Amino acid sequence: MGDPEIVFLIPAYRAAATLGPLIERLKVLHPGIPVLVVDDGSKDNTAAVARDAGAQVETLSVNRGKGTALASGLARLFKGGATWAICLDSDGQHLPEDVAAFLEHKTSDRCGIVVGARELRPRSMPWARVCSNRLTTFLLGLQAGTRLWDSQCGFRMYRLAAFSEAKLPPQGRFEWESEALVRVARAGWTIEKVRVSTVYTDAGSHIRPWRDTARFIKLWFRMWAWILG
């Protein structure tokens, strides 16, 4: 993949139906930025679709969760010499057109993560998701010691040096992205934001509200033990 400054990173699980158009659009809008897809143990042809669309592919042998796919991809890019990774979900909820907001954002020297901040209002997404997002973002902000934005949005730009310094766990599922905000902030990096479009759909989502809420609660107590310990 050479030594690019910025790379698109897409964690993907059973995403054959949506991944191709996403990669193709990214390449049309930003032809100079390579794409790395981490196939999280899919049983469909996710990996083949990604390769056909022009992406590099890393394949995990079994499904280990979105956090594991992100951690694996970020570690690979850091070792490869990249500076930033722009992460998008594979299901079409993140618009390639919004990548420009990240590229145009003037980051500070200590910016560790730029978060895509959606409009958290009932007219944009279901009220239950609005409340959940606002609550988890506030609670994580207490642990991070700084204000956070849209903690449930996976549309982010990670500084790979911050990822490495924060010593994020190599495995995890959706809660990994929440832990990333706290650990990166606690390591002395800032969390910044850009505005992105709100595209909400449950079609193809791998989120399970009750299961993932339980994981967040476990994370919440585990992070306090880490902070206070």
C-alpha atoms as a PDB file:
ATOM      1  CA  MET A   1       0.000   0.000   0.000  1.00  0.00           C
ATOM      2  CA  GLY A   2       3.072   2.218   0.017  1.00  0.00           C
ATOM      3  CA  ASP A   3       3.444   5.000   2.566  1.00  0.00           C
ATOM      4  CA  PRO A   4       0.315   7.176   2.251  1.00  0.00           C
ATOM      5  CA  GLU A   5      -0.506   9.935   4.713  1.00  0.00           C
ATOM      6  CA  ILE A   6      -4.241   9.153   4.779  1.00  0.00           C
ATOM      7  CA  VAL A   7      -6.017   5.837   4.214  1.00  0.00           C
ATOM      8  CA  PHE A   8      -9.701   4.923   4.233  1.00  0.00           C
ATOM      9  CA  LEU A   9     -10.379   2.076   6.665  1.00  0.00           C
ATOM     10  CA  ILE A  10     -13.639   0.131   6.375  1.00  0.00           C
ATOM     11  CA  PRO A  11     -14.474  -2.668   8.846  1.00  0.00           C
ATOM     12  CA  ALA A  12     -16.874  -5.004   7.069  1.00  0.00           C
ATOM     13  CA  TYR A  13     -19.011  -7.979   8.047  1.00  0.00           C
ATOM     14  CA  ARG A  14     -21.370  -9.571   5.538  1.00  0.00           C
ATOM     15  CA  ALA A  15     -21.308  -6.330   3.546  1.00  0.00           C
ATOM     16  CA  ALA A  16     -21.179  -7.653  -0.018  1.00  0.00           C
ATOM     17  CA  ALA A  17     -24.415  -5.859  -0.955  1.00  0.00           C
ATOM     18  CA  THR A  18     -23.272  -2.371   0.072  1.00  0.00           C
ATOM     19  CA  LEU A  19     -19.479  -2.350   0.030  1.00  0.00           C
ATOM     20  CA  GLY A  20     -18.812  -2.107  -3.709  1.00  0.00           C
ATOM     21  CA  PRO A  21     -20.681   1.164  -4.368  1.00  0.00           C
ATOM     22  CA  LEU A  22     -19.133   2.728  -1.256  1.00  0.00           C
ATOM     23  CA  ILE A  23     -15.567   1.964  -2.343  1.00  0.00           C
ATOM     24  CA  GLU A  24     -16.227   3.010  -5.925  1.00  0.00           C
ATOM     25  CA  ARG A  25     -17.646   6.347  -4.796  1.00  0.00           C
ATOM     26  CA  LEU A  26     -14.678   6.964  -2.495  1.00  0.00           C
ATOM     27  CA  LYS A  27     -12.314   6.318  -5.377  1.00  0.00           C
ATOM     28  CA  VAL A  28     -14.198   8.681  -7.662  1.00  0.00           C
ATOM     29  CA  LEU A  29     -14.204  11.507  -5.114  1.00  0.00           C
ATOM     30  CA  HIS A  30     -10.727  10.879  -3.654  1.00  0.00           C
ATOM     31  CA  PRO A  31      -8.696   8.875  -6.175  1.00  0.00           C
ATOM     32  CA  GLY A  32      -5.417   9.486  -4.381  1.00  0.00           C
ATOM     33  CA  ILE A  33      -6.464   7.916  -1.084  1.00  0.00           C
ATOM     34  CA  PRO A  34      -6.109   4.117  -0.807  1.00  0.00           C
ATOM     35  CA  VAL A  35      -8.791   1.949   0.793  1.00  0.00           C
ATOM     36  CA  LEU A  36      -8.221  -0.862   3.300  1.00  0.00           C
ATOM     37  CA  VAL A  37     -11.128  -3.175   4.083  1.00  0.00           C
ATOM     38  CA  VAL A  38     -10.915  -5.480   7.103  1.00  0.00           C
ATOM     39  CA  ASP A  39     -13.269  -8.379   6.456  1.00  0.00           C
ATOM     40  CA  ASP A  40     -14.403  -9.518   9.889  1.00  0.00           C
ATOM     41  CA  GLY A  41     -14.901 -13.204   9.152  1.00  0.00           C
ATOM     42  CA  SER A  42     -17.715 -12.789   6.618  1.00  0.00           C
ATOM     43  CA  LYS A  43     -19.191 -15.914   5.058  1.00  0.00           C
ATOM     44  CA  ASP A  44     -20.396 -14.084   1.944  1.00  0.00           C
ATOM     45  CA  ASN A  45     -18.202 -12.591  -0.787  1.00  0.00           C
ATOM     46  CA  THR A  46     -17.416  -9.364   1.080  1.00  0.00           C
ATOM     47  CA  ALA A  47     -13.666  -9.760   0.509  1.00  0.00           C
ATOM     48  CA  ALA A  48     -14.063 -10.457  -3.217  1.00  0.00           C
ATOM     49  CA  VAL A  49     -16.349  -7.450  -3.688  1.00  0.00           C
ATOM     50  CA  ALA A  50     -13.826  -5.210  -1.924  1.00  0.00           C
ATOM     51  CA  ARG A  51     -10.939  -6.429  -4.089  1.00  0.00           C
ATOM     52  CA  ASP A  52     -12.965  -6.060  -7.271  1.00  0.00           C
ATOM     53  CA  ALA A  53     -13.716  -2.454  -6.297  1.00  0.00           C
ATOM     54  CA  GLY A  54     -10.009  -1.721  -5.908  1.00  0.00           C
ATOM     55  CA  ALA A  55      -9.494  -1.986  -2.141  1.00  0.00           C
ATOM     56  CA  GLN A  56      -6.745  -3.757  -0.236  1.00  0.00           C
ATOM     57  CA  VAL A  57      -8.249  -6.453   1.976  1.00  0.00           C
ATOM     58  CA  GLU A  58      -7.261  -7.923   5.331  1.00  0.00           C
ATOM     59  CA  THR A  59      -9.336 -10.960   6.276  1.00  0.00           C
ATOM     60  CA  LEU A  60      -9.962 -12.165   9.818  1.00  0.00           C
ATOM     61  CA  SER A  61     -10.561 -15.901   9.979  1.00  0.00           C
ATOM     62  CA  VAL A  62     -13.622 -15.647  12.241  1.00  0.00           C
ATOM     63  CA  ASN A  63     -16.009 -12.862  13.221  1.00  0.00           C
ATOM     64  CA  ARG A  64     -14.469 -11.023  16.173  1.00  0.00           C
ATOM     65  CA  GLY A  65     -16.387  -7.757  16.223  1.00  0.00           C
ATOM     66  CA  LYS A  66     -16.118  -4.277  14.781  1.00  0.00           C
ATOM     67  CA  GLY A  67     -13.618  -3.129  17.396  1.00  0.00           C
ATOM     68  CA  THR A  68     -11.276  -5.979  16.553  1.00  0.00           C
ATOM     69  CA  ALA A  69     -11.496  -5.173  12.852  1.00  0.00           C
ATOM     70  CA  LEU A  70     -10.766  -1.496  13.532  1.00  0.00           C
ATOM     71  CA  ALA A  71      -7.870  -2.246  15.882  1.00  0.00           C
ATOM     72  CA  SER A  72      -6.339  -4.675  13.404  1.00  0.00           C
ATOM     73  CA  GLY A  73      -6.642  -2.225  10.526  1.00  0.00           C
ATOM     74  CA  LEU A  74      -5.327   0.739  12.497  1.00  0.00           C
ATOM     75  CA  ALA A  75      -2.350  -1.273  13.743  1.00  0.00           C
ATOM     76  CA  ARG A  76      -1.534  -2.351  10.185  1.00  0.00           C
ATOM     77  CA  LEU A  77      -1.713   1.227   8.902  1.00  0.00           C
ATOM     78  CA  PHE A  78       0.426   2.553  11.757  1.00  0.00           C
ATOM     79  CA  LYS A  79       3.111  -0.029  11.031  1.00  0.00           C
ATOM     80  CA  GLY A  80       2.871   0.878   7.350  1.00  0.00           C
ATOM     81  CA  GLY A  81       3.695   4.518   8.048  1.00  0.00           C
ATOM     82  CA  ALA A  82       0.320   6.187   7.484  1.00  0.00           C
ATOM     83  CA  THR A  83      -0.564   9.254   9.559  1.00  0.00           C
ATOM     84  CA  TRP A  84      -4.369   9.256   9.524  1.00  0.00           C
ATOM     85  CA  ALA A  85      -7.133   6.708   8.966  1.00  0.00           C
ATOM     86  CA  ILE A  86     -10.615   7.825   7.985  1.00  0.00           C
ATOM     87  CA  CYS A  87     -13.032   5.125   9.121  1.00  0.00           C
ATOM     88  CA  LEU A  88     -16.424   4.535   7.518  1.00  0.00           C
ATOM     89  CA  ASP A  89     -19.052   1.866   8.122  1.00  0.00           C
ATOM     90  CA  SER A  90     -19.677  -0.535   5.277  1.00  0.00           C
ATOM     91  CA  ASP A  91     -23.487  -0.306   5.323  1.00  0.00           C
ATOM     92  CA  GLY A  92     -23.884   3.045   3.572  1.00  0.00           C
ATOM     93  CA  GLN A  93     -24.696   5.148   6.637  1.00  0.00           C
ATOM     94  CA  HIS A  94     -21.664   7.350   6.025  1.00  0.00           C
ATOM     95  CA  LEU A  95     -21.657   9.440   2.879  1.00  0.00           C
ATOM     96  CA  PRO A  96     -18.403   9.569   0.888  1.00  0.00           C
ATOM     97  CA  GLU A  97     -19.292  13.186   0.096  1.00  0.00           C
ATOM     98  CA  ASP A  98     -18.801  14.023   3.791  1.00  0.00           C
ATOM     99  CA  VAL A  99     -15.169  12.901   3.699  1.00  0.00           C
ATOM    100  CA  ALA A 100     -14.313  16.412   2.485  1.00  0.00           C
ATOM    101  CA  ALA A 101     -15.251  17.787   5.912  1.00  0.00           C
ATOM    102  CA  PHE A 102     -12.522  15.667   7.521  1.00  0.00           C
ATOM    103  CA  LEU A 103      -9.931  16.516   4.886  1.00  0.00           C
ATOM    104  CA  GLU A 104     -10.642  20.241   5.187  1.00  0.00           C
ATOM    105  CA  HIS A 105     -10.674  20.285   8.998  1.00  0.00           C
ATOM    106  CA  LYS A 106      -7.658  22.055  10.469  1.00  0.00           C
ATOM    107  CA  THR A 107      -6.597  19.701  13.231  1.00  0.00           C
ATOM    108  CA  SER A 108      -4.528  20.835  16.177  1.00  0.00           C
ATOM    109  CA  ASP A 109      -1.112  19.267  16.762  1.00  0.00           C
ATOM    110  CA  ARG A 110      -2.575  17.181  19.603  1.00  0.00           C
ATOM    111  CA  CYS A 111      -5.768  16.121  17.867  1.00  0.00           C
ATOM    112  CA  GLY A 112      -6.149  12.368  18.291  1.00  0.00           C
ATOM    113  CA  ILE A 113      -9.612  11.746  16.832  1.00  0.00           C
ATOM    114  CA  VAL A 114     -11.928  13.799  14.653  1.00  0.00           C
ATOM    115  CA  VAL A 115     -15.493  12.588  15.184  1.00  0.00           C
ATOM    116  CA  GLY A 116     -18.252  12.891  12.637  1.00  0.00           C
ATOM    117  CA  ALA A 117     -21.039  14.630  14.544  1.00  0.00           C
ATOM    118  CA  ARG A 118     -24.559  14.078  13.252  1.00  0.00           C
ATOM    119  CA  GLU A 119     -27.664  16.095  14.064  1.00  0.00           C
ATOM    120  CA  LEU A 120     -29.006  14.299  17.124  1.00  0.00           C
ATOM    121  CA  ARG A 121     -32.667  15.217  16.844  1.00  0.00           C
ATOM    122  CA  PRO A 122     -35.833  13.086  16.641  1.00  0.00           C
ATOM    123  CA  ARG A 123     -36.543  14.361  13.144  1.00  0.00           C
ATOM    124  CA  SER A 124     -33.243  12.831  12.025  1.00  0.00           C
ATOM    125  CA  MET A 125     -33.285   9.471  13.834  1.00  0.00           C
ATOM    126  CA  PRO A 126     -35.583   7.565  16.223  1.00  0.00           C
ATOM    127  CA  TRP A 127     -36.070   9.205  19.604  1.00  0.00           C
ATOM    128  CA  ALA A 128     -34.699   6.166  21.477  1.00  0.00           C
ATOM    129  CA  ARG A 129     -31.444   6.372  19.525  1.00  0.00           C
ATOM    130  CA  VAL A 130     -31.200  10.125  20.148  1.00  0.00           C
ATOM    131  CA  CYS A 131     -31.584   9.627  23.914  1.00  0.00           C
ATOM    132  CA  SER A 132     -29.150   6.716  23.978  1.00  0.00           C
ATOM    133  CA  ASN A 133     -26.536   8.635  22.033  1.00  0.00           C
ATOM    134  CA  ARG A 134     -26.817  11.776  24.132  1.00  0.00           C
ATOM    135  CA  LEU A 135     -26.620   9.797  27.381  1.00  0.00           C
ATOM    136  CA  THR A 136     -23.646   7.639  26.398  1.00  0.00           C
ATOM    137  CA  THR A 137     -21.811  10.652  24.974  1.00  0.00           C
ATOM    138  CA  PHE A 138     -22.293  12.548  28.250  1.00  0.00           C
ATOM    139  CA  LEU A 139     -21.203   9.585  30.404  1.00  0.00           C
ATOM    140  CA  LEU A 140     -18.130   8.934  28.314  1.00  0.00           C
ATOM    141  CA  GLY A 141     -17.263  12.617  28.463  1.00  0.00           C
ATOM    142  CA  LEU A 142     -17.104  12.351  32.254  1.00  0.00           C
ATOM    143  CA  GLN A 143     -14.595   9.546  31.937  1.00  0.00           C
ATOM    144  CA  ALA A 144     -12.634  11.212  29.162  1.00  0.00           C
ATOM    145  CA  GLY A 145     -12.393  14.440  31.154  1.00  0.00           C
ATOM    146  CA  THR A 146     -13.438  16.495  28.139  1.00  0.00           C
ATOM    147  CA  ARG A 147     -16.472  17.205  26.019  1.00  0.00           C
ATOM    148  CA  LEU A 148     -17.278  14.579  23.415  1.00  0.00           C
ATOM    149  CA  TRP A 149     -19.570  14.490  20.386  1.00  0.00           C
ATOM    150  CA  ASP A 150     -21.714  11.715  18.930  1.00  0.00           C
ATOM    151  CA  SER A 151     -20.007   8.787  20.636  1.00  0.00           C
ATOM    152  CA  GLN A 152     -22.010   6.272  18.599  1.00  0.00           C
ATOM    153  CA  CYS A 153     -20.868   7.521  15.196  1.00  0.00           C
ATOM    154  CA  GLY A 154     -18.227   5.343  13.549  1.00  0.00           C
ATOM    155  CA  PHE A 155     -17.419   7.970  10.916  1.00  0.00           C
ATOM    156  CA  ARG A 156     -14.096   9.157  12.341  1.00  0.00           C
ATOM    157  CA  MET A 157     -10.552  10.155  11.512  1.00  0.00           C
ATOM    158  CA  TYR A 158      -7.912   8.617  13.784  1.00  0.00           C
ATOM    159  CA  ARG A 159      -4.388   9.953  14.158  1.00  0.00           C
ATOM    160  CA  LEU A 160      -2.454   6.687  14.141  1.00  0.00           C
ATOM    161  CA  ALA A 161       0.177   7.954  16.580  1.00  0.00           C
ATOM    162  CA  ALA A 162      -2.608   8.631  19.117  1.00  0.00           C
ATOM    163  CA  PHE A 163      -4.068   5.165  18.526  1.00  0.00           C
ATOM    164  CA  SER A 164      -0.678   3.626  19.268  1.00  0.00           C
ATOM    165  CA  GLU A 165       0.084   5.798  22.294  1.00  0.00           C
ATOM    166  CA  ALA A 166      -3.319   5.193  23.898  1.00  0.00           C
ATOM    167  CA  LYS A 167      -2.694   1.420  23.866  1.00  0.00           C
ATOM    168  CA  LEU A 168      -6.206   0.528  22.800  1.00  0.00           C
ATOM    169  CA  PRO A 169      -7.247  -3.107  23.253  1.00  0.00           C
ATOM    170  CA  PRO A 170      -6.716  -5.331  20.189  1.00  0.00           C
ATOM    171  CA  GLN A 171     -10.189  -6.833  20.463  1.00  0.00           C
ATOM    172  CA  GLY A 172     -13.729  -5.581  20.985  1.00  0.00           C
ATOM    173  CA  ARG A 173     -17.090  -5.009  19.405  1.00  0.00           C
ATOM    174  CA  PHE A 174     -19.143  -1.821  19.135  1.00  0.00           C
ATOM    175  CA  GLU A 175     -18.096  -0.665  22.609  1.00  0.00           C
ATOM    176  CA  TRP A 176     -14.472  -0.453  21.398  1.00  0.00           C
ATOM    177  CA  GLU A 177     -15.199   2.872  19.691  1.00  0.00           C
ATOM    178  CA  SER A 178     -16.452   4.305  23.000  1.00  0.00           C
ATOM    179  CA  GLU A 179     -13.341   3.106  24.804  1.00  0.00           C
ATOM    180  CA  ALA A 180     -11.197   4.670  22.088  1.00  0.00           C
ATOM    181  CA  LEU A 181     -12.576   8.134  22.858  1.00  0.00           C
ATOM    182  CA  VAL A 182     -11.809   7.802  26.560  1.00  0.00           C
ATOM    183  CA  ARG A 183      -8.353   6.267  26.233  1.00  0.00           C
ATOM    184  CA  VAL A 184      -7.178   8.673  23.540  1.00  0.00           C
ATOM    185  CA  ALA A 185      -8.401  11.676  25.554  1.00  0.00           C
ATOM    186  CA  ARG A 186      -6.819  10.331  28.749  1.00  0.00           C
ATOM    187  CA  ALA A 187      -3.531   9.937  26.875  1.00  0.00           C
ATOM    188  CA  GLY A 188      -3.500  13.714  26.383  1.00  0.00           C
ATOM    189  CA  TRP A 189      -4.934  13.985  22.877  1.00  0.00           C
ATOM    190  CA  THR A 190      -7.881  16.181  21.958  1.00  0.00           C
ATOM    191  CA  ILE A 191     -11.152  15.010  20.422  1.00  0.00           C
ATOM    192  CA  GLU A 192     -12.441  17.295  17.687  1.00  0.00           C
ATOM    193  CA  LYS A 193     -15.513  17.185  15.463  1.00  0.00           C
ATOM    194  CA  VAL A 194     -16.839  17.894  12.013  1.00  0.00           C
ATOM    195  CA  ARG A 195     -20.472  17.984  10.966  1.00  0.00           C
ATOM    196  CA  VAL A 196     -21.664  15.049   8.866  1.00  0.00           C
ATOM    197  CA  SER A 197     -24.996  14.067   7.380  1.00  0.00           C
ATOM    198  CA  THR A 198     -27.509  12.019   9.332  1.00  0.00           C
ATOM    199  CA  VAL A 199     -28.303   8.876   7.360  1.00  0.00           C
ATOM    200  CA  TYR A 200     -30.244   6.531   9.595  1.00  0.00           C
ATOM    201  CA  THR A 201     -31.371   3.053   8.688  1.00  0.00           C
ATOM    202  CA  ASP A 202     -31.561  -0.238  10.548  1.00  0.00           C
ATOM    203  CA  ALA A 203     -31.251  -2.198   7.319  1.00  0.00           C
ATOM    204  CA  GLY A 204     -28.347  -4.595   7.644  1.00  0.00           C
ATOM    205  CA  SER A 205     -27.307  -3.260  11.061  1.00  0.00           C
ATOM    206  CA  HIS A 206     -25.377  -5.662  13.272  1.00  0.00           C
ATOM    207  CA  ILE A 207     -26.202  -3.665  16.419  1.00  0.00           C
ATOM    208  CA  ARG A 208     -28.268  -5.525  19.020  1.00  0.00           C
ATOM    209  CA  PRO A 209     -29.657  -2.908  21.461  1.00  0.00           C
ATOM    210  CA  TRP A 210     -29.966  -5.044  24.607  1.00  0.00           C
ATOM    211  CA  ARG A 211     -26.725  -6.942  24.110  1.00  0.00           C
ATOM    212  CA  ASP A 212     -24.727  -3.863  23.191  1.00  0.00           C
ATOM    213  CA  THR A 213     -26.251  -1.829  26.043  1.00  0.00           C
ATOM    214  CA  ALA A 214     -25.062  -4.536  28.457  1.00  0.00           C
ATOM    215  CA  ARG A 215     -21.596  -4.313  26.925  1.00  0.00           C
ATOM    216  CA  PHE A 216     -21.579  -0.544  27.362  1.00  0.00           C
ATOM    217  CA  ILE A 217     -22.521  -0.872  31.045  1.00  0.00           C
ATOM    218  CA  LYS A 218     -19.668  -3.349  31.570  1.00  0.00           C
ATOM    219  CA  LEU A 219     -17.345  -0.976  29.748  1.00  0.00           C
ATOM    220  CA  TRP A 220     -18.506   1.953  31.891  1.00  0.00           C
ATOM    221  CA  PHE A 221     -17.524   0.219  35.140  1.00  0.00           C
ATOM    222  CA  ARG A 222     -14.340  -1.251  33.683  1.00  0.00           C
ATOM    223  CA  MET A 223     -13.179   2.161  32.503  1.00  0.00           C
ATOM    224  CA  TRP A 224     -13.784   3.730  35.913  1.00  0.00           C
ATOM    225  CA  ALA A 225     -11.719   0.934  37.477  1.00  0.00           C
ATOM    226  CA  TRP A 226      -8.951   1.701  34.983  1.00  0.00           C
ATOM    227  CA  ILE A 227      -9.157   5.479  35.551  1.00  0.00           C
ATOM    228  CA  LEU A 228      -9.241   5.272  39.352  1.00  0.00           C
ATOM    229  CA  GLY A 229      -6.789   2.385  39.597  1.00  0.00           C
END
